[in-house]
PDB file of N, CA and C in Angstrom:
ATOM      1  N   UNK A   1     -37.733 -11.810   4.982  1.00  0.00           N
ATOM      2  CA  UNK A   1     -36.305 -11.874   4.799  1.00  0.00           C
ATOM      3  C   UNK A   1     -35.669 -10.732   5.580  1.00  0.00           C
ATOM      4  N   UNK A   2     -34.770 -11.063   6.467  1.00  0.00           N
ATOM      5  CA  UNK A   2     -34.142 -10.062   7.329  1.00  0.00           C
ATOM      6  C   UNK A   2     -32.945  -9.438   6.618  1.00  0.00           C
ATOM      7  N   UNK A   3     -32.834  -8.138   6.785  1.00  0.00           N
ATOM      8  CA  UNK A   3     -31.694  -7.431   6.209  1.00  0.00           C
ATOM      9  C   UNK A   3     -30.514  -7.526   7.167  1.00  0.00           C
ATOM     10  N   UNK A   4     -29.370  -7.845   6.631  1.00  0.00           N
ATOM     11  CA  UNK A   4     -28.174  -7.869   7.475  1.00  0.00           C
ATOM     12  C   UNK A   4     -27.501  -6.503   7.380  1.00  0.00           C
ATOM     13  N   UNK A   5     -27.250  -5.930   8.522  1.00  0.00           N
ATOM     14  CA  UNK A   5     -26.628  -4.615   8.569  1.00  0.00           C
ATOM     15  C   UNK A   5     -25.145  -4.776   8.899  1.00  0.00           C
ATOM     16  N   UNK A   6     -24.352  -4.015   8.226  1.00  0.00           N
ATOM     17  CA  UNK A   6     -22.921  -4.015   8.505  1.00  0.00           C
ATOM     18  C   UNK A   6     -22.655  -2.895   9.484  1.00  0.00           C
ATOM     19  N   UNK A   7     -22.148  -3.249  10.640  1.00  0.00           N
ATOM     20  CA  UNK A   7     -21.851  -2.277  11.677  1.00  0.00           C
ATOM     21  C   UNK A   7     -20.346  -2.025  11.693  1.00  0.00           C
ATOM     22  N   UNK A   8     -19.925  -0.889  11.157  1.00  0.00           N
ATOM     23  CA  UNK A   8     -18.495  -0.581  11.103  1.00  0.00           C
ATOM     24  C   UNK A   8     -17.926  -0.183  12.459  1.00  0.00           C
ATOM     25  N   UNK A   9     -18.774  -0.106  13.477  1.00  0.00           N
ATOM     26  CA  UNK A   9     -18.272   0.166  14.827  1.00  0.00           C
ATOM     27  C   UNK A   9     -17.900  -1.108  15.561  1.00  0.00           C
ATOM     28  N   UNK A  10     -18.224  -2.247  14.975  1.00  0.00           N
ATOM     29  CA  UNK A  10     -17.884  -3.535  15.575  1.00  0.00           C
ATOM     30  C   UNK A  10     -16.383  -3.752  15.455  1.00  0.00           C
ATOM     31  N   UNK A  11     -15.723  -3.968  16.579  1.00  0.00           N
ATOM     32  CA  UNK A  11     -14.261  -4.064  16.570  1.00  0.00           C
ATOM     33  C   UNK A  11     -13.771  -5.321  15.851  1.00  0.00           C
ATOM     34  N   UNK A  12     -14.545  -6.396  15.898  1.00  0.00           N
ATOM     35  CA  UNK A  12     -14.124  -7.606  15.186  1.00  0.00           C
ATOM     36  C   UNK A  12     -14.203  -7.398  13.677  1.00  0.00           C
ATOM     37  N   UNK A  13     -15.224  -6.700  13.203  1.00  0.00           N
ATOM     38  CA  UNK A  13     -15.331  -6.390  11.785  1.00  0.00           C
ATOM     39  C   UNK A  13     -14.213  -5.438  11.357  1.00  0.00           C
ATOM     40  N   UNK A  14     -13.900  -4.470  12.200  1.00  0.00           N
ATOM     41  CA  UNK A  14     -12.795  -3.558  11.900  1.00  0.00           C
ATOM     42  C   UNK A  14     -11.475  -4.319  11.799  1.00  0.00           C
ATOM     43  N   UNK A  15     -11.258  -5.270  12.706  1.00  0.00           N
ATOM     44  CA  UNK A  15     -10.028  -6.061  12.671  1.00  0.00           C
ATOM     45  C   UNK A  15      -9.944  -6.886  11.391  1.00  0.00           C
ATOM     46  N   UNK A  16     -11.054  -7.500  11.009  1.00  0.00           N
ATOM     47  CA  UNK A  16     -11.069  -8.320   9.801  1.00  0.00           C
ATOM     48  C   UNK A  16     -10.854  -7.457   8.552  1.00  0.00           C
ATOM     49  N   UNK A  17     -11.544  -6.312   8.478  1.00  0.00           N
ATOM     50  CA  UNK A  17     -11.366  -5.412   7.339  1.00  0.00           C
ATOM     51  C   UNK A  17      -9.950  -4.834   7.296  1.00  0.00           C
ATOM     52  N   UNK A  18      -9.391  -4.534   8.470  1.00  0.00           N
ATOM     53  CA  UNK A  18      -8.009  -4.049   8.524  1.00  0.00           C
ATOM     54  C   UNK A  18      -7.031  -5.075   7.989  1.00  0.00           C
ATOM     55  N   UNK A  19      -7.271  -6.341   8.313  1.00  0.00           N
ATOM     56  CA  UNK A  19      -6.420  -7.414   7.794  1.00  0.00           C
ATOM     57  C   UNK A  19      -6.555  -7.533   6.276  1.00  0.00           C
ATOM     58  N   UNK A  20      -7.766  -7.455   5.775  1.00  0.00           N
ATOM     59  CA  UNK A  20      -7.991  -7.551   4.331  1.00  0.00           C
ATOM     60  C   UNK A  20      -7.333  -6.381   3.603  1.00  0.00           C
ATOM     61  N   UNK A  21      -7.541  -5.161   4.112  1.00  0.00           N
ATOM     62  CA  UNK A  21      -6.940  -3.987   3.481  1.00  0.00           C
ATOM     63  C   UNK A  21      -5.412  -4.043   3.555  1.00  0.00           C
ATOM     64  N   UNK A  22      -4.866  -4.578   4.641  1.00  0.00           N
ATOM     65  CA  UNK A  22      -3.408  -4.643   4.748  1.00  0.00           C
ATOM     66  C   UNK A  22      -2.817  -5.629   3.747  1.00  0.00           C
ATOM     67  N   UNK A  23      -3.495  -6.738   3.514  1.00  0.00           N
ATOM     68  CA  UNK A  23      -3.012  -7.698   2.510  1.00  0.00           C
ATOM     69  C   UNK A  23      -3.070  -7.071   1.111  1.00  0.00           C
ATOM     70  N   UNK A  24      -4.150  -6.346   0.829  1.00  0.00           N
ATOM     71  CA  UNK A  24      -4.257  -5.647  -0.453  1.00  0.00           C
ATOM     72  C   UNK A  24      -3.149  -4.603  -0.575  1.00  0.00           C
ATOM     73  N   UNK A  25      -2.845  -3.907   0.520  1.00  0.00           N
ATOM     74  CA  UNK A  25      -1.777  -2.906   0.509  1.00  0.00           C
ATOM     75  C   UNK A  25      -0.411  -3.520   0.237  1.00  0.00           C
ATOM     76  N   UNK A  26      -0.153  -4.685   0.799  1.00  0.00           N
ATOM     77  CA  UNK A  26       1.131  -5.360   0.548  1.00  0.00           C
ATOM     78  C   UNK A  26       1.211  -5.821  -0.905  1.00  0.00           C
ATOM     79  N   UNK A  27       0.112  -6.318  -1.452  1.00  0.00           N
ATOM     80  CA  UNK A  27       0.095  -6.721  -2.867  1.00  0.00           C
ATOM     81  C   UNK A  27       0.344  -5.507  -3.759  1.00  0.00           C
ATOM     82  N   UNK A  28      -0.316  -4.377  -3.449  1.00  0.00           N
ATOM     83  CA  UNK A  28      -0.077  -3.143  -4.205  1.00  0.00           C
ATOM     84  C   UNK A  28       1.376  -2.704  -4.094  1.00  0.00           C
ATOM     85  N   UNK A  29       1.969  -2.860  -2.911  1.00  0.00           N
ATOM     86  CA  UNK A  29       3.373  -2.482  -2.722  1.00  0.00           C
ATOM     87  C   UNK A  29       4.296  -3.339  -3.584  1.00  0.00           C
ATOM     88  N   UNK A  30       4.015  -4.626  -3.649  1.00  0.00           N
ATOM     89  CA  UNK A  30       4.833  -5.510  -4.477  1.00  0.00           C
ATOM     90  C   UNK A  30       4.698  -5.167  -5.959  1.00  0.00           C
ATOM     91  N   UNK A  31       3.481  -4.870  -6.393  1.00  0.00           N
ATOM     92  CA  UNK A  31       3.280  -4.466  -7.795  1.00  0.00           C
ATOM     93  C   UNK A  31       3.993  -3.147  -8.084  1.00  0.00           C
ATOM     94  N   UNK A  32       3.944  -2.216  -7.148  1.00  0.00           N
ATOM     95  CA  UNK A  32       4.635  -0.945  -7.307  1.00  0.00           C
ATOM     96  C   UNK A  32       6.150  -1.164  -7.360  1.00  0.00           C
ATOM     97  N   UNK A  33       6.666  -2.074  -6.549  1.00  0.00           N
ATOM     98  CA  UNK A  33       8.096  -2.372  -6.574  1.00  0.00           C
ATOM     99  C   UNK A  33       8.508  -2.960  -7.919  1.00  0.00           C
ATOM    100  N   UNK A  34       7.675  -3.809  -8.489  1.00  0.00           N
ATOM    101  CA  UNK A  34       7.987  -4.386  -9.798  1.00  0.00           C
ATOM    102  C   UNK A  34       8.030  -3.295 -10.861  1.00  0.00           C
ATOM    103  N   UNK A  35       7.066  -2.377 -10.818  1.00  0.00           N
ATOM    104  CA  UNK A  35       7.022  -1.304 -11.817  1.00  0.00           C
ATOM    105  C   UNK A  35       8.210  -0.359 -11.660  1.00  0.00           C
ATOM    106  N   UNK A  36       8.535  -0.001 -10.420  1.00  0.00           N
ATOM    107  CA  UNK A  36       9.626   0.956 -10.187  1.00  0.00           C
ATOM    108  C   UNK A  36      10.982   0.338 -10.505  1.00  0.00           C
ATOM    109  N   UNK A  37      11.191  -0.887 -10.080  1.00  0.00           N
ATOM    110  CA  UNK A  37      12.515  -1.505 -10.201  1.00  0.00           C
ATOM    111  C   UNK A  37      12.714  -2.268 -11.513  1.00  0.00           C
ATOM    112  N   UNK A  38      11.774  -2.145 -12.433  1.00  0.00           N
ATOM    113  CA  UNK A  38      11.857  -2.896 -13.683  1.00  0.00           C
ATOM    114  C   UNK A  38      13.123  -2.564 -14.472  1.00  0.00           C
ATOM    115  N   UNK A  39      13.459  -1.315 -14.611  1.00  0.00           N
ATOM    116  CA  UNK A  39      14.640  -0.908 -15.380  1.00  0.00           C
ATOM    117  C   UNK A  39      15.694  -0.252 -14.496  1.00  0.00           C
ATOM    118  N   UNK A  40      15.784  -0.700 -13.257  1.00  0.00           N
ATOM    119  CA  UNK A  40      16.778  -0.143 -12.335  1.00  0.00           C
ATOM    120  C   UNK A  40      18.143  -0.737 -12.623  1.00  0.00           C
ATOM    121  N   UNK A  41      19.131   0.131 -12.755  1.00  0.00           N
ATOM    122  CA  UNK A  41      20.505  -0.306 -12.973  1.00  0.00           C
ATOM    123  C   UNK A  41      21.317   0.040 -11.719  1.00  0.00           C
ATOM    124  N   UNK A  42      21.678  -0.958 -10.915  1.00  0.00           N
ATOM    125  CA  UNK A  42      22.424  -0.667  -9.684  1.00  0.00           C
ATOM    126  C   UNK A  42      23.812  -0.088  -9.948  1.00  0.00           C
ATOM    127  N   UNK A  43      24.444  -0.477 -11.050  1.00  0.00           N
ATOM    128  CA  UNK A  43      25.785   0.023 -11.345  1.00  0.00           C
ATOM    129  C   UNK A  43      25.759   1.522 -11.651  1.00  0.00           C
ATOM    130  N   UNK A  44      24.754   1.943 -12.404  1.00  0.00           N
ATOM    131  CA  UNK A  44      24.655   3.350 -12.775  1.00  0.00           C
ATOM    132  C   UNK A  44      23.725   4.134 -11.847  1.00  0.00           C
ATOM    133  N   UNK A  45      23.013   3.429 -10.998  1.00  0.00           N
ATOM    134  CA  UNK A  45      22.044   4.031 -10.072  1.00  0.00           C
ATOM    135  C   UNK A  45      21.032   4.901 -10.825  1.00  0.00           C
ATOM    136  N   UNK A  46      20.424   4.311 -11.839  1.00  0.00           N
ATOM    137  CA  UNK A  46      19.414   5.004 -12.630  1.00  0.00           C
ATOM    138  C   UNK A  46      18.231   4.080 -12.882  1.00  0.00           C
ATOM    139  N   UNK A  47      17.085   4.692 -13.098  1.00  0.00           N
ATOM    140  CA  UNK A  47      15.885   3.988 -13.531  1.00  0.00           C
ATOM    141  C   UNK A  47      15.484   4.629 -14.844  1.00  0.00           C
ATOM    142  N   UNK A  48      15.732   3.916 -15.938  1.00  0.00           N
ATOM    143  CA  UNK A  48      15.437   4.443 -17.273  1.00  0.00           C
ATOM    144  C   UNK A  48      13.951   4.291 -17.567  1.00  0.00           C
ATOM    145  N   UNK A  49      13.374   5.342 -18.163  1.00  0.00           N
ATOM    146  CA  UNK A  49      11.974   5.290 -18.569  1.00  0.00           C
ATOM    147  C   UNK A  49      11.764   6.250 -19.721  1.00  0.00           C
ATOM    148  N   UNK A  50      10.725   6.018 -20.473  1.00  0.00           N
ATOM    149  CA  UNK A  50      10.376   6.892 -21.590  1.00  0.00           C
ATOM    150  C   UNK A  50       9.382   7.943 -21.104  1.00  0.00           C
ATOM    151  N   UNK A  51       9.675   9.214 -21.320  1.00  0.00           N
ATOM    152  CA  UNK A  51       8.732  10.248 -20.881  1.00  0.00           C
ATOM    153  C   UNK A  51       7.391  10.187 -21.607  1.00  0.00           C
ATOM    154  N   UNK A  52       7.355   9.550 -22.779  1.00  0.00           N
ATOM    155  CA  UNK A  52       6.111   9.430 -23.533  1.00  0.00           C
ATOM    156  C   UNK A  52       5.217   8.302 -23.019  1.00  0.00           C
ATOM    157  N   UNK A  53       5.782   7.410 -22.211  1.00  0.00           N
ATOM    158  CA  UNK A  53       4.984   6.302 -21.693  1.00  0.00           C
ATOM    159  C   UNK A  53       4.177   6.763 -20.476  1.00  0.00           C
ATOM    160  N   UNK A  54       3.269   5.907 -20.066  1.00  0.00           N
ATOM    161  CA  UNK A  54       2.433   6.208 -18.902  1.00  0.00           C
ATOM    162  C   UNK A  54       3.021   5.664 -17.607  1.00  0.00           C
ATOM    163  N   UNK A  55       4.291   5.309 -17.638  1.00  0.00           N
ATOM    164  CA  UNK A  55       4.916   4.692 -16.477  1.00  0.00           C
ATOM    165  C   UNK A  55       4.969   5.630 -15.276  1.00  0.00           C
ATOM    166  N   UNK A  56       5.334   6.880 -15.510  1.00  0.00           N
ATOM    167  CA  UNK A  56       5.432   7.820 -14.400  1.00  0.00           C
ATOM    168  C   UNK A  56       4.059   8.066 -13.774  1.00  0.00           C
ATOM    169  N   UNK A  57       3.030   8.187 -14.596  1.00  0.00           N
ATOM    170  CA  UNK A  57       1.675   8.368 -14.082  1.00  0.00           C
ATOM    171  C   UNK A  57       1.218   7.113 -13.344  1.00  0.00           C
ATOM    172  N   UNK A  58       1.590   5.947 -13.857  1.00  0.00           N
ATOM    173  CA  UNK A  58       1.258   4.694 -13.189  1.00  0.00           C
ATOM    174  C   UNK A  58       1.917   4.578 -11.833  1.00  0.00           C
ATOM    175  N   UNK A  59       3.158   5.035 -11.730  1.00  0.00           N
ATOM    176  CA  UNK A  59       3.859   4.996 -10.448  1.00  0.00           C
ATOM    177  C   UNK A  59       3.222   5.970  -9.464  1.00  0.00           C
ATOM    178  N   UNK A  60       2.845   7.147  -9.939  1.00  0.00           N
ATOM    179  CA  UNK A  60       2.183   8.102  -9.055  1.00  0.00           C
ATOM    180  C   UNK A  60       0.825   7.566  -8.587  1.00  0.00           C
ATOM    181  N   UNK A  61       0.058   7.002  -9.502  1.00  0.00           N
ATOM    182  CA  UNK A  61      -1.229   6.423  -9.133  1.00  0.00           C
ATOM    183  C   UNK A  61      -1.090   5.216  -8.224  1.00  0.00           C
ATOM    184  N   UNK A  62      -0.094   4.375  -8.510  1.00  0.00           N
ATOM    185  CA  UNK A  62       0.159   3.212  -7.657  1.00  0.00           C
ATOM    186  C   UNK A  62       0.596   3.600  -6.263  1.00  0.00           C
ATOM    187  N   UNK A  63       1.387   4.666  -6.177  1.00  0.00           N
ATOM    188  CA  UNK A  63       1.805   5.161  -4.867  1.00  0.00           C
ATOM    189  C   UNK A  63       0.604   5.684  -4.091  1.00  0.00           C
ATOM    190  N   UNK A  64      -0.260   6.428  -4.761  1.00  0.00           N
ATOM    191  CA  UNK A  64      -1.454   6.959  -4.106  1.00  0.00           C
ATOM    192  C   UNK A  64      -2.382   5.832  -3.651  1.00  0.00           C
ATOM    193  N   UNK A  65      -2.597   4.844  -4.507  1.00  0.00           N
ATOM    194  CA  UNK A  65      -3.481   3.724  -4.157  1.00  0.00           C
ATOM    195  C   UNK A  65      -2.905   2.912  -3.004  1.00  0.00           C
ATOM    196  N   UNK A  66      -1.601   2.640  -3.060  1.00  0.00           N
ATOM    197  CA  UNK A  66      -0.958   1.877  -1.990  1.00  0.00           C
ATOM    198  C   UNK A  66      -1.004   2.642  -0.680  1.00  0.00           C
ATOM    199  N   UNK A  67      -0.725   3.930  -0.736  1.00  0.00           N
ATOM    200  CA  UNK A  67      -0.773   4.743   0.475  1.00  0.00           C
ATOM    201  C   UNK A  67      -2.166   4.812   1.064  1.00  0.00           C
ATOM    202  N   UNK A  68      -3.187   4.980   0.209  1.00  0.00           N
ATOM    203  CA  UNK A  68      -4.561   5.056   0.699  1.00  0.00           C
ATOM    204  C   UNK A  68      -4.984   3.747   1.363  1.00  0.00           C
ATOM    205  N   UNK A  69      -4.722   2.634   0.698  1.00  0.00           N
ATOM    206  CA  UNK A  69      -5.100   1.333   1.261  1.00  0.00           C
ATOM    207  C   UNK A  69      -4.322   1.069   2.558  1.00  0.00           C
ATOM    208  N   UNK A  70      -3.054   1.456   2.587  1.00  0.00           N
ATOM    209  CA  UNK A  70      -2.254   1.292   3.804  1.00  0.00           C
ATOM    210  C   UNK A  70      -2.770   2.136   4.955  1.00  0.00           C
ATOM    211  N   UNK A  71      -3.183   3.364   4.669  1.00  0.00           N
ATOM    212  CA  UNK A  71      -3.725   4.237   5.721  1.00  0.00           C
ATOM    213  C   UNK A  71      -5.042   3.667   6.253  1.00  0.00           C
ATOM    214  N   UNK A  72      -5.894   3.164   5.370  1.00  0.00           N
ATOM    215  CA  UNK A  72      -7.162   2.564   5.808  1.00  0.00           C
ATOM    216  C   UNK A  72      -6.882   1.341   6.681  1.00  0.00           C
ATOM    217  N   UNK A  73      -5.950   0.487   6.264  1.00  0.00           N
ATOM    218  CA  UNK A  73      -5.610  -0.707   7.049  1.00  0.00           C
ATOM    219  C   UNK A  73      -5.040  -0.314   8.407  1.00  0.00           C
ATOM    220  N   UNK A  74      -4.153   0.658   8.414  1.00  0.00           N
ATOM    221  CA  UNK A  74      -3.547   1.128   9.663  1.00  0.00           C
ATOM    222  C   UNK A  74      -4.629   1.689  10.595  1.00  0.00           C
ATOM    223  N   UNK A  75      -5.506   2.518  10.048  1.00  0.00           N
ATOM    224  CA  UNK A  75      -6.539   3.145  10.860  1.00  0.00           C
ATOM    225  C   UNK A  75      -7.511   2.107  11.427  1.00  0.00           C
ATOM    226  N   UNK A  76      -7.913   1.137  10.617  1.00  0.00           N
ATOM    227  CA  UNK A  76      -8.808   0.093  11.115  1.00  0.00           C
ATOM    228  C   UNK A  76      -8.130  -0.752  12.190  1.00  0.00           C
ATOM    229  N   UNK A  77      -6.833  -1.007  12.017  1.00  0.00           N
ATOM    230  CA  UNK A  77      -6.100  -1.748  13.036  1.00  0.00           C
ATOM    231  C   UNK A  77      -6.009  -0.981  14.341  1.00  0.00           C
ATOM    232  N   UNK A  78      -5.769   0.319  14.260  1.00  0.00           N
ATOM    233  CA  UNK A  78      -5.677   1.152  15.462  1.00  0.00           C
ATOM    234  C   UNK A  78      -7.030   1.238  16.166  1.00  0.00           C
ATOM    235  N   UNK A  79      -8.087   1.424  15.378  1.00  0.00           N
ATOM    236  CA  UNK A  79      -9.413   1.603  15.967  1.00  0.00           C
ATOM    237  C   UNK A  79      -9.941   0.331  16.641  1.00  0.00           C
ATOM    238  N   UNK A  80      -9.541  -0.829  16.158  1.00  0.00           N
ATOM    239  CA  UNK A  80     -10.048  -2.073  16.738  1.00  0.00           C
ATOM    240  C   UNK A  80      -9.150  -2.634  17.832  1.00  0.00           C
ATOM    241  N   UNK A  81      -7.986  -2.086  17.971  1.00  0.00           N
ATOM    242  CA  UNK A  81      -7.016  -2.619  18.931  1.00  0.00           C
ATOM    243  C   UNK A  81      -7.392  -2.218  20.356  1.00  0.00           C
ATOM    244  N   UNK A  82      -7.364  -3.174  21.254  1.00  0.00           N
ATOM    245  CA  UNK A  82      -7.577  -2.894  22.661  1.00  0.00           C
ATOM    246  C   UNK A  82      -9.014  -2.927  23.123  1.00  0.00           C
ATOM    247  N   UNK A  83      -9.975  -3.181  22.235  1.00  0.00           N
ATOM    248  CA  UNK A  83     -11.367  -3.273  22.668  1.00  0.00           C
ATOM    249  C   UNK A  83     -11.578  -4.574  23.428  1.00  0.00           C
ATOM    250  N   UNK A  84     -12.346  -4.515  24.494  1.00  0.00           N
ATOM    251  CA  UNK A  84     -12.592  -5.707  25.310  1.00  0.00           C
ATOM    252  C   UNK A  84     -13.357  -6.782  24.539  1.00  0.00           C
ATOM    253  N   UNK A  85     -14.247  -6.339  23.669  1.00  0.00           N
ATOM    254  CA  UNK A  85     -15.082  -7.294  22.932  1.00  0.00           C
ATOM    255  C   UNK A  85     -14.416  -7.812  21.667  1.00  0.00           C
ATOM    256  N   UNK A  86     -13.227  -7.363  21.372  1.00  0.00           N
ATOM    257  CA  UNK A  86     -12.537  -7.792  20.158  1.00  0.00           C
ATOM    258  C   UNK A  86     -11.788  -9.089  20.435  1.00  0.00           C
ATOM    259  N   UNK A  87     -12.286 -10.164  19.871  1.00  0.00           N
ATOM    260  CA  UNK A  87     -11.627 -11.460  20.016  1.00  0.00           C
ATOM    261  C   UNK A  87     -10.554 -11.652  18.946  1.00  0.00           C
ATOM    262  N   UNK A  88     -10.384 -10.674  18.077  1.00  0.00           N
ATOM    263  CA  UNK A  88      -9.435 -10.775  16.970  1.00  0.00           C
ATOM    264  C   UNK A  88      -8.300  -9.759  17.130  1.00  0.00           C
ATOM    265  N   UNK A  89      -7.683  -9.732  18.279  1.00  0.00           N
ATOM    266  CA  UNK A  89      -6.595  -8.792  18.526  1.00  0.00           C
ATOM    267  C   UNK A  89      -5.411  -9.031  17.583  1.00  0.00           C
ATOM    268  N   UNK A  90      -5.159 -10.293  17.280  1.00  0.00           N
ATOM    269  CA  UNK A  90      -4.052 -10.626  16.385  1.00  0.00           C
ATOM    270  C   UNK A  90      -4.268 -10.015  15.003  1.00  0.00           C
ATOM    271  N   UNK A  91      -5.502 -10.085  14.498  1.00  0.00           N
ATOM    272  CA  UNK A  91      -5.806  -9.490  13.196  1.00  0.00           C
ATOM    273  C   UNK A  91      -5.667  -7.974  13.237  1.00  0.00           C
ATOM    274  N   UNK A  92      -5.990  -7.369  14.373  1.00  0.00           N
ATOM    275  CA  UNK A  92      -5.802  -5.925  14.519  1.00  0.00           C
ATOM    276  C   UNK A  92      -4.334  -5.551  14.414  1.00  0.00           C
ATOM    277  N   UNK A  93      -3.488  -6.311  15.101  1.00  0.00           N
ATOM    278  CA  UNK A  93      -2.046  -6.033  15.065  1.00  0.00           C
ATOM    279  C   UNK A  93      -1.460  -6.252  13.678  1.00  0.00           C
ATOM    280  N   UNK A  94      -1.865  -7.336  13.035  1.00  0.00           N
ATOM    281  CA  UNK A  94      -1.348  -7.619  11.692  1.00  0.00           C
ATOM    282  C   UNK A  94      -1.796  -6.535  10.713  1.00  0.00           C
ATOM    283  N   UNK A  95      -3.052  -6.124  10.787  1.00  0.00           N
ATOM    284  CA  UNK A  95      -3.554  -5.058   9.924  1.00  0.00           C
ATOM    285  C   UNK A  95      -2.803  -3.759  10.154  1.00  0.00           C
ATOM    286  N   UNK A  96      -2.560  -3.434  11.412  1.00  0.00           N
ATOM    287  CA  UNK A  96      -1.830  -2.218  11.755  1.00  0.00           C
ATOM    288  C   UNK A  96      -0.400  -2.253  11.221  1.00  0.00           C
ATOM    289  N   UNK A  97       0.298  -3.340  11.455  1.00  0.00           N
ATOM    290  CA  UNK A  97       1.702  -3.430  11.061  1.00  0.00           C
ATOM    291  C   UNK A  97       1.880  -3.537   9.543  1.00  0.00           C
ATOM    292  N   UNK A  98       1.052  -4.343   8.884  1.00  0.00           N
ATOM    293  CA  UNK A  98       1.167  -4.451   7.427  1.00  0.00           C
ATOM    294  C   UNK A  98       0.704  -3.170   6.737  1.00  0.00           C
ATOM    295  N   UNK A  99      -0.258  -2.474   7.328  1.00  0.00           N
ATOM    296  CA  UNK A  99      -0.669  -1.180   6.794  1.00  0.00           C
ATOM    297  C   UNK A  99       0.463  -0.172   6.865  1.00  0.00           C
ATOM    298  N   UNK A 100       1.150  -0.141   8.009  1.00  0.00           N
ATOM    299  CA  UNK A 100       2.299   0.761   8.153  1.00  0.00           C
ATOM    300  C   UNK A 100       3.420   0.377   7.191  1.00  0.00           C
ATOM    301  N   UNK A 101       3.629  -0.925   7.000  1.00  0.00           N
ATOM    302  CA  UNK A 101       4.664  -1.387   6.069  1.00  0.00           C
ATOM    303  C   UNK A 101       4.351  -0.957   4.640  1.00  0.00           C
ATOM    304  N   UNK A 102       3.102  -1.090   4.227  1.00  0.00           N
ATOM    305  CA  UNK A 102       2.761  -0.709   2.848  1.00  0.00           C
ATOM    306  C   UNK A 102       2.869   0.804   2.649  1.00  0.00           C
ATOM    307  N   UNK A 103       2.547   1.600   3.667  1.00  0.00           N
ATOM    308  CA  UNK A 103       2.726   3.052   3.575  1.00  0.00           C
ATOM    309  C   UNK A 103       4.203   3.384   3.401  1.00  0.00           C
ATOM    310  N   UNK A 104       5.046   2.781   4.219  1.00  0.00           N
ATOM    311  CA  UNK A 104       6.493   3.040   4.143  1.00  0.00           C
ATOM    312  C   UNK A 104       7.074   2.606   2.804  1.00  0.00           C
ATOM    313  N   UNK A 105       6.671   1.433   2.327  1.00  0.00           N
ATOM    314  CA  UNK A 105       7.176   0.961   1.041  1.00  0.00           C
ATOM    315  C   UNK A 105       6.751   1.871  -0.099  1.00  0.00           C
ATOM    316  N   UNK A 106       5.524   2.370  -0.051  1.00  0.00           N
ATOM    317  CA  UNK A 106       5.058   3.279  -1.099  1.00  0.00           C
ATOM    318  C   UNK A 106       5.890   4.554  -1.111  1.00  0.00           C
ATOM    319  N   UNK A 107       6.160   5.096   0.056  1.00  0.00           N
ATOM    320  CA  UNK A 107       6.953   6.325   0.141  1.00  0.00           C
ATOM    321  C   UNK A 107       8.380   6.092  -0.340  1.00  0.00           C
ATOM    322  N   UNK A 108       8.993   4.999   0.093  1.00  0.00           N
ATOM    323  CA  UNK A 108      10.381   4.706  -0.288  1.00  0.00           C
ATOM    324  C   UNK A 108      10.494   4.447  -1.789  1.00  0.00           C
ATOM    325  N   UNK A 109       9.576   3.675  -2.351  1.00  0.00           N
ATOM    326  CA  UNK A 109       9.634   3.383  -3.781  1.00  0.00           C
ATOM    327  C   UNK A 109       9.394   4.630  -4.617  1.00  0.00           C
ATOM    328  N   UNK A 110       8.471   5.486  -4.195  1.00  0.00           N
ATOM    329  CA  UNK A 110       8.226   6.722  -4.925  1.00  0.00           C
ATOM    330  C   UNK A 110       9.450   7.642  -4.852  1.00  0.00           C
ATOM    331  N   UNK A 111      10.041   7.758  -3.674  1.00  0.00           N
ATOM    332  CA  UNK A 111      11.241   8.590  -3.527  1.00  0.00           C
ATOM    333  C   UNK A 111      12.395   8.029  -4.342  1.00  0.00           C
ATOM    334  N   UNK A 112      12.516   6.706  -4.377  1.00  0.00           N
ATOM    335  CA  UNK A 112      13.581   6.083  -5.158  1.00  0.00           C
ATOM    336  C   UNK A 112      13.402   6.384  -6.645  1.00  0.00           C
ATOM    337  N   UNK A 113      12.160   6.294  -7.129  1.00  0.00           N
ATOM    338  CA  UNK A 113      11.921   6.595  -8.529  1.00  0.00           C
ATOM    339  C   UNK A 113      12.222   8.063  -8.831  1.00  0.00           C
ATOM    340  N   UNK A 114      11.814   8.954  -7.962  1.00  0.00           N
ATOM    341  CA  UNK A 114      12.045  10.377  -8.187  1.00  0.00           C
ATOM    342  C   UNK A 114      13.539  10.722  -8.147  1.00  0.00           C
ATOM    343  N   UNK A 115      14.304  10.045  -7.325  1.00  0.00           N
ATOM    344  CA  UNK A 115      15.734  10.326  -7.197  1.00  0.00           C
ATOM    345  C   UNK A 115      16.541   9.758  -8.360  1.00  0.00           C
ATOM    346  N   UNK A 116      16.191   8.567  -8.829  1.00  0.00           N
ATOM    347  CA  UNK A 116      17.020   7.854  -9.786  1.00  0.00           C
ATOM    348  C   UNK A 116      16.465   7.825 -11.210  1.00  0.00           C
ATOM    349  N   UNK A 117      15.349   8.489 -11.466  1.00  0.00           N
ATOM    350  CA  UNK A 117      14.751   8.397 -12.803  1.00  0.00           C
ATOM    351  C   UNK A 117      15.621   9.108 -13.834  1.00  0.00           C
ATOM    352  N   UNK A 118      15.679   8.500 -15.001  1.00  0.00           N
ATOM    353  CA  UNK A 118      16.463   9.040 -16.113  1.00  0.00           C
ATOM    354  C   UNK A 118      15.614   8.902 -17.367  1.00  0.00           C
ATOM    355  N   UNK A 119      15.072  10.031 -17.867  1.00  0.00           N
ATOM    356  CA  UNK A 119      14.252   9.943 -19.086  1.00  0.00           C
ATOM    357  C   UNK A 119      15.100   9.608 -20.304  1.00  0.00           C
ATOM    358  N   UNK A 120      14.678   8.618 -21.046  1.00  0.00           N
ATOM    359  CA  UNK A 120      15.358   8.199 -22.265  1.00  0.00           C
ATOM    360  C   UNK A 120      14.466   8.582 -23.450  1.00  0.00           C
ATOM    361  N   UNK A 121      14.951   9.493 -24.273  1.00  0.00           N
ATOM    362  CA  UNK A 121      14.185   9.937 -25.441  1.00  0.00           C
ATOM    363  C   UNK A 121      14.780   9.261 -26.670  1.00  0.00           C
ATOM    364  N   UNK A 122      13.925   8.514 -27.376  1.00  0.00           N
ATOM    365  CA  UNK A 122      14.360   7.823 -28.586  1.00  0.00           C
ATOM    366  C   UNK A 122      13.912   8.662 -29.774  1.00  0.00           C
ATOM    367  N   UNK A 123      14.862   9.014 -30.622  1.00  0.00           N
ATOM    368  CA  UNK A 123      14.540   9.844 -31.798  1.00  0.00           C
ATOM    369  C   UNK A 123      14.160   9.008 -32.989  1.00  0.00           C
TER     370      UNK A 123
END
């Protein structure tokens, strides 16, 4: 039985993994947007949350996870782009662009939460 080796230097594998990581990053970004914008009030420009809940920690962790996955997708897209043997140039570009999008969305959503958060303490 032959062992199959995964060669991370293969540009086609990098392109495919970059595409997979970028899709995961976009899904994480959408979940982060749902968590951040759940109690957003546009009229008052506030995001109400309970300081006793784990919401703030969840947003920080979600931002970190989204940013990490986005950076990995971006890096894999950059590393596989332009190789002569890469028949998956389109996947490289999509991974690169969606990775950058998920990084930007994570930063914007985290900044929005930090700017507009309003702790609500219930006695």
